Amino acid sequence: MGYKLLILDIDGTLVGKDGTVSPEDKQALKQAIEAGVIVSLCTGRAFQGSLRVLKELSLDGYHTFHDGAQVFNPDTGHSLFSQPLKPEVIGQLIDWAHLREMDIELYSLSAYYSERENWTTQVHRSYFDIPVVITDYDTIIGKENIIKMQTVVTNREQTEKAIALKKEFNDRCHFSPVKSPAFPDVDFINIISPEVSKGKAIGRLATHLNIKKEEIMAMGDGINDIPLVTAAGLGIAMGDAPEELKKAAKYTTASVEESGIAKALKKFLL
């Protein structure tokens, strides 16, 4: 139907509870690629945490990471776009978090940093395959471009701190809570530059590829995917997506556990 670019979120869209892509989705994506469609991922994850999926699907080219703050080609190491956070904002936010005993993690273009070992660092190693660098943040703030900060919410106390953090820094940062089907009771809250979003990122990618909006199909499952599905000619929500995303999308497919990607591709593309 004239679609040249297929943009896919990872967690809850492409990858389900067991952390893998279903055989049905994998086969449908293979057929799409063989038909000449460019398949590009658009995720809140860092690129290091996406490499296993990229390899599994044999995807190359540019992909969007950190909720739109980076459009990057892992094969060549070239960034089409990256928007770091301002060092002064990073410092202010970390000082605020320290006073409240709140863990904040940092991501540069190539590394993931934490000030101490905790549940989150273990999950990043074991599930996302991202090695952690334990360091004093004073050694890197202002010396490395930090693309994303993150805090992880697993209980009521952390929820209250995250709400207060957003209220304090909402004018200087964009807060994007994301979910992983493997950890349904956990909110991974991405903290990025206020100028970026998934929608703006795929707009830059489409311009680079000389592809029009109406030639883009995009699929997602979370609130942070609203800019993604509205930036595409055909925006598709997963079956278990929140109502806000379903209202923003033009079509709702089945859930990731029901191979919703394959069902949508068979209806609109293959």
Protein backbone atom coordinates (compact mmCIF):
# COMPACT_ATOMS: atom_id res chain seq x y z
CA MET A 1 0.00 0.00 0.00
CA GLY A 2 2.94 2.29 -0.56
CA TYR A 3 4.57 2.08 2.87
CA LYS A 4 8.35 2.34 2.67
CA LEU A 5 9.33 2.74 6.33
CA LEU A 6 8.12 0.64 9.26
CA ILE A 7 8.91 2.02 12.73
CA LEU A 8 8.57 -0.29 15.73
CA ASP A 9 8.77 0.23 19.47
CA ILE A 10 10.49 -2.66 21.27
CA ASP A 11 9.07 -3.42 24.72
CA GLY A 12 5.40 -4.37 24.60
CA THR A 13 5.29 -4.05 20.81
CA LEU A 14 8.04 -6.23 19.39
CA VAL A 15 9.17 -8.02 22.54
CA GLY A 16 6.83 -9.65 25.04
CA LYS A 17 7.13 -11.04 28.56
CA ASP A 18 9.79 -13.59 27.69
CA GLY A 19 12.02 -10.99 26.03
CA THR A 20 11.85 -12.49 22.54
CA VAL A 21 10.18 -11.77 19.21
CA SER A 22 7.42 -14.23 18.30
CA PRO A 23 8.02 -16.52 15.29
CA GLU A 24 4.96 -15.02 13.56
CA ASP A 25 6.21 -11.46 13.97
CA LYS A 26 9.71 -12.47 12.90
CA GLN A 27 8.41 -14.11 9.70
CA ALA A 28 6.18 -11.15 8.85
CA LEU A 29 9.06 -8.71 9.32
CA LYS A 30 11.30 -10.85 7.13
CA GLN A 31 8.68 -10.70 4.39
CA ALA A 32 8.38 -6.93 4.77
CA ILE A 33 12.14 -6.49 4.44
CA GLU A 34 12.22 -8.77 1.40
CA ALA A 35 9.51 -6.56 -0.11
CA GLY A 36 11.83 -3.56 0.22
CA VAL A 37 10.42 -1.98 3.38
CA ILE A 38 12.94 -0.35 5.74
CA VAL A 39 12.39 -1.56 9.31
CA SER A 40 13.66 0.74 12.05
CA LEU A 41 13.32 0.47 15.82
CA CYS A 42 12.21 3.41 17.96
CA THR A 43 12.65 2.73 21.66
CA GLY A 44 13.27 4.21 25.08
CA ARG A 45 16.16 1.78 25.45
CA ALA A 46 19.81 2.64 24.89
CA PHE A 47 21.27 1.18 21.72
CA GLN A 48 23.35 -1.28 23.77
CA GLY A 49 20.13 -2.71 25.18
CA SER A 50 18.67 -3.10 21.70
CA LEU A 51 21.55 -4.96 20.03
CA ARG A 52 20.16 -8.41 20.78
CA VAL A 53 16.87 -7.56 19.01
CA LEU A 54 18.66 -5.92 16.08
CA LYS A 55 20.80 -9.02 15.64
CA GLU A 56 17.84 -11.39 16.00
CA LEU A 57 15.99 -9.59 13.20
CA SER A 58 19.11 -8.85 11.10
CA LEU A 59 18.32 -5.13 11.08
CA ASP A 60 20.85 -2.54 9.99
CA GLY A 61 20.73 1.20 9.30
CA TYR A 62 19.51 3.93 11.66
CA HIS A 63 17.34 3.38 14.70
CA THR A 64 15.96 5.70 17.37
CA PHE A 65 17.01 5.28 21.01
CA HIS A 66 16.45 7.06 24.34
CA ASP A 67 12.85 8.04 23.46
CA GLY A 68 13.94 10.13 20.49
CA ALA A 69 17.10 11.73 21.90
CA GLN A 70 19.36 9.73 19.58
CA VAL A 71 19.05 8.48 16.00
CA PHE A 72 22.03 6.19 15.58
CA ASN A 73 23.49 3.49 13.33
CA PRO A 74 25.08 0.85 15.60
CA ASP A 75 26.90 -0.74 12.64
CA THR A 76 28.75 2.41 11.59
CA GLY A 77 28.75 4.27 14.91
CA HIS A 78 27.27 7.35 13.21
CA SER A 79 24.64 9.54 14.87
CA LEU A 80 22.14 11.12 12.52
CA PHE A 81 20.84 13.09 15.50
CA SER A 82 21.56 13.35 19.21
CA GLN A 83 20.31 15.83 21.82
CA PRO A 84 22.15 15.70 25.15
CA LEU A 85 20.81 17.13 28.36
CA LYS A 86 22.34 20.38 29.59
CA PRO A 87 25.13 19.75 32.14
CA GLU A 88 23.78 22.36 34.55
CA VAL A 89 20.37 20.66 34.55
CA ILE A 90 21.97 17.26 35.14
CA GLY A 91 23.89 18.62 38.10
CA GLN A 92 20.84 20.32 39.59
CA LEU A 93 18.71 17.21 39.24
CA ILE A 94 21.34 14.92 40.76
CA ASP A 95 21.83 17.28 43.73
CA TRP A 96 18.05 17.29 44.27
CA ALA A 97 17.96 13.49 44.10
CA HIS A 98 20.90 13.08 46.51
CA LEU A 99 19.11 15.12 49.17
CA ARG A 100 16.18 12.68 48.92
CA GLU A 101 18.23 9.47 48.64
CA MET A 102 16.91 8.85 45.14
CA ASP A 103 18.82 6.81 42.57
CA ILE A 104 19.42 8.45 39.19
CA GLU A 105 21.21 6.72 36.31
CA LEU A 106 23.00 8.37 33.41
CA TYR A 107 23.42 7.32 29.77
CA SER A 108 25.98 8.74 27.36
CA LEU A 109 26.22 7.77 23.69
CA SER A 110 28.26 4.72 24.63
CA ALA A 111 27.95 4.01 28.38
CA TYR A 112 25.53 3.45 31.24
CA TYR A 113 26.46 4.92 34.62
CA SER A 114 25.30 4.39 38.18
CA GLU A 115 26.65 5.58 41.52
CA ARG A 116 26.08 2.22 43.19
CA GLU A 117 24.99 -1.36 42.60
CA ASN A 118 21.24 -1.89 42.99
CA TRP A 119 18.30 -3.85 41.57
CA THR A 120 18.30 -1.74 38.42
CA THR A 121 21.96 -2.31 37.57
CA GLN A 122 21.40 -6.06 37.93
CA VAL A 123 18.38 -5.92 35.57
CA HIS A 124 20.30 -3.89 33.00
CA ARG A 125 23.08 -6.50 33.00
CA SER A 126 20.93 -9.63 32.98
CA TYR A 127 17.92 -8.57 30.86
CA PHE A 128 19.06 -5.66 28.70
CA ASP A 129 22.69 -6.83 28.28
CA ILE A 130 24.04 -3.40 29.24
CA PRO A 131 27.25 -3.28 31.30
CA VAL A 132 27.27 -0.68 34.07
CA VAL A 133 30.05 1.72 35.01
CA ILE A 134 29.97 2.51 38.73
CA THR A 135 31.40 5.99 39.19
CA ASP A 136 31.27 9.31 40.98
CA TYR A 137 29.10 11.52 38.78
CA ASP A 138 31.37 14.51 39.39
CA THR A 139 33.90 12.78 37.12
CA ILE A 140 31.60 12.79 34.08
CA ILE A 141 29.11 15.69 34.35
CA GLY A 142 30.21 18.36 31.90
CA LYS A 143 32.85 16.05 30.44
CA GLU A 144 30.57 13.59 28.64
CA ASN A 145 27.39 14.21 26.67
CA ILE A 146 24.59 12.65 28.70
CA ILE A 147 21.69 11.71 26.43
CA LYS A 148 19.34 10.39 29.07
CA MET A 149 18.86 10.13 32.81
CA GLN A 150 16.60 7.52 34.33
CA THR A 151 14.99 6.67 37.64
CA VAL A 152 13.19 3.42 38.37
CA VAL A 153 9.97 3.22 40.39
CA THR A 154 9.12 -0.04 42.15
CA ASN A 155 7.16 1.08 45.24
CA ARG A 156 4.98 3.86 46.64
CA GLU A 157 7.85 5.80 48.22
CA GLN A 158 9.73 5.90 44.92
CA THR A 159 6.53 6.93 43.13
CA GLU A 160 6.10 9.91 45.43
CA LYS A 161 9.72 10.96 44.90
CA ALA A 162 9.35 10.63 41.12
CA ILE A 163 6.22 12.81 41.15
CA ALA A 164 8.05 15.47 43.18
CA LEU A 165 11.04 15.28 40.84
CA LYS A 166 8.88 15.82 37.78
CA LYS A 167 7.13 18.77 39.42
CA GLU A 168 10.48 20.37 40.24
CA PHE A 169 12.15 19.87 36.84
CA ASN A 170 9.22 19.73 34.41
CA ASP A 171 10.30 23.01 32.79
CA ARG A 172 13.84 21.75 32.15
CA CYS A 173 13.34 18.08 31.24
CA HIS A 174 10.86 15.77 29.56
CA PHE A 175 9.74 12.85 31.73
CA SER A 176 8.69 9.70 29.90
CA PRO A 177 7.51 6.68 31.95
CA VAL A 178 7.91 3.42 30.04
CA LYS A 179 7.04 -0.20 30.78
CA SER A 180 8.60 -3.54 29.99
CA PRO A 181 6.35 -6.64 29.83
CA ALA A 182 9.06 -8.53 31.71
CA PHE A 183 8.65 -6.14 34.68
CA PRO A 184 4.95 -5.15 34.66
CA ASP A 185 4.99 -3.55 38.11
CA VAL A 186 7.99 -1.31 37.40
CA ASP A 187 8.09 2.15 35.80
CA PHE A 188 11.31 3.07 34.04
CA ILE A 189 11.14 6.86 33.91
CA ASN A 190 13.29 8.31 31.15
CA ILE A 191 14.46 11.89 31.65
CA ILE A 192 15.48 13.56 28.40
CA SER A 193 15.79 16.97 26.80
CA PRO A 194 12.42 18.75 26.48
CA GLU A 195 13.06 19.37 22.78
CA VAL A 196 12.93 15.71 21.73
CA SER A 197 10.33 13.00 21.18
CA LYS A 198 9.95 9.79 19.20
CA GLY A 199 7.83 11.65 16.64
CA LYS A 200 10.44 14.33 15.97
CA ALA A 201 13.14 11.67 15.70
CA ILE A 202 11.39 9.64 13.02
CA GLY A 203 10.66 12.87 11.18
CA ARG A 204 14.41 13.46 10.97
CA LEU A 205 14.99 9.87 9.89
CA ALA A 206 12.30 10.09 7.19
CA THR A 207 13.82 13.32 5.85
CA HIS A 208 17.22 11.64 5.70
CA LEU A 209 15.71 8.70 3.80
CA ASN A 210 13.59 10.98 1.58
CA ILE A 211 10.41 9.24 2.74
CA LYS A 212 7.09 11.04 3.12
CA LYS A 213 4.87 10.86 6.21
CA GLU A 214 2.18 8.96 4.32
CA GLU A 215 4.78 6.29 3.47
CA ILE A 216 5.48 5.56 7.16
CA MET A 217 3.80 2.89 9.29
CA ALA A 218 4.54 3.02 13.05
CA MET A 219 3.53 0.77 15.93
CA GLY A 220 3.73 1.22 19.70
CA ASP A 221 2.13 0.33 23.00
CA GLY A 222 2.83 3.13 25.49
CA ILE A 223 2.06 6.76 26.27
CA ASN A 224 5.52 7.70 25.01
CA ASP A 225 4.48 6.27 21.61
CA ILE A 226 1.77 8.89 21.04
CA PRO A 227 4.21 11.22 19.19
CA LEU A 228 5.40 8.18 17.23
CA VAL A 229 2.03 7.01 15.92
CA THR A 230 0.85 10.55 15.16
CA ALA A 231 4.00 11.29 13.14
CA ALA A 232 3.32 8.34 10.81
CA GLY A 233 0.91 8.06 7.92
CA LEU A 234 -0.48 4.94 9.60
CA GLY A 235 -0.08 4.85 13.37
CA ILE A 236 -1.01 1.55 15.02
CA ALA A 237 -1.56 0.83 18.73
CA MET A 238 -1.07 -2.59 20.27
CA GLY A 239 -4.14 -4.33 21.68
CA ASP A 240 -3.20 -3.79 25.32
CA ALA A 241 -2.11 -0.17 24.86
CA PRO A 242 -3.63 2.58 27.05
CA GLU A 243 -6.72 4.32 25.70
CA GLU A 244 -4.80 7.56 25.09
CA LEU A 245 -2.59 5.81 22.55
CA LYS A 246 -5.48 3.96 20.92
CA LYS A 247 -7.31 7.26 20.42
CA ALA A 248 -4.19 8.81 18.85
CA ALA A 249 -3.61 5.84 16.51
CA LYS A 250 -5.55 5.12 13.34
CA TYR A 251 -5.79 1.38 14.00
CA THR A 252 -5.48 -1.02 16.93
CA THR A 253 -4.00 -4.47 16.38
CA ALA A 254 -3.62 -7.45 18.74
CA SER A 255 -1.25 -7.46 21.71
CA VAL A 256 2.42 -8.40 21.51
CA GLU A 257 1.63 -11.79 23.06
CA GLU A 258 -0.80 -12.37 20.17
CA SER A 259 1.74 -11.34 17.49
CA GLY A 260 0.03 -8.02 16.82
CA ILE A 261 2.78 -6.88 14.46
CA ALA A 262 2.24 -9.83 12.13
CA LYS A 263 -1.52 -9.29 12.11
CA ALA A 264 -1.14 -5.59 11.26
CA LEU A 265 1.44 -6.24 8.54
CA LYS A 266 -0.77 -8.86 6.90
CA LYS A 267 -3.65 -6.41 6.88
CA PHE A 268 -1.84 -3.29 5.64
CA LEU A 269 1.46 -4.25 4.08
CA LEU A 270 1.98 -7.84 2.97
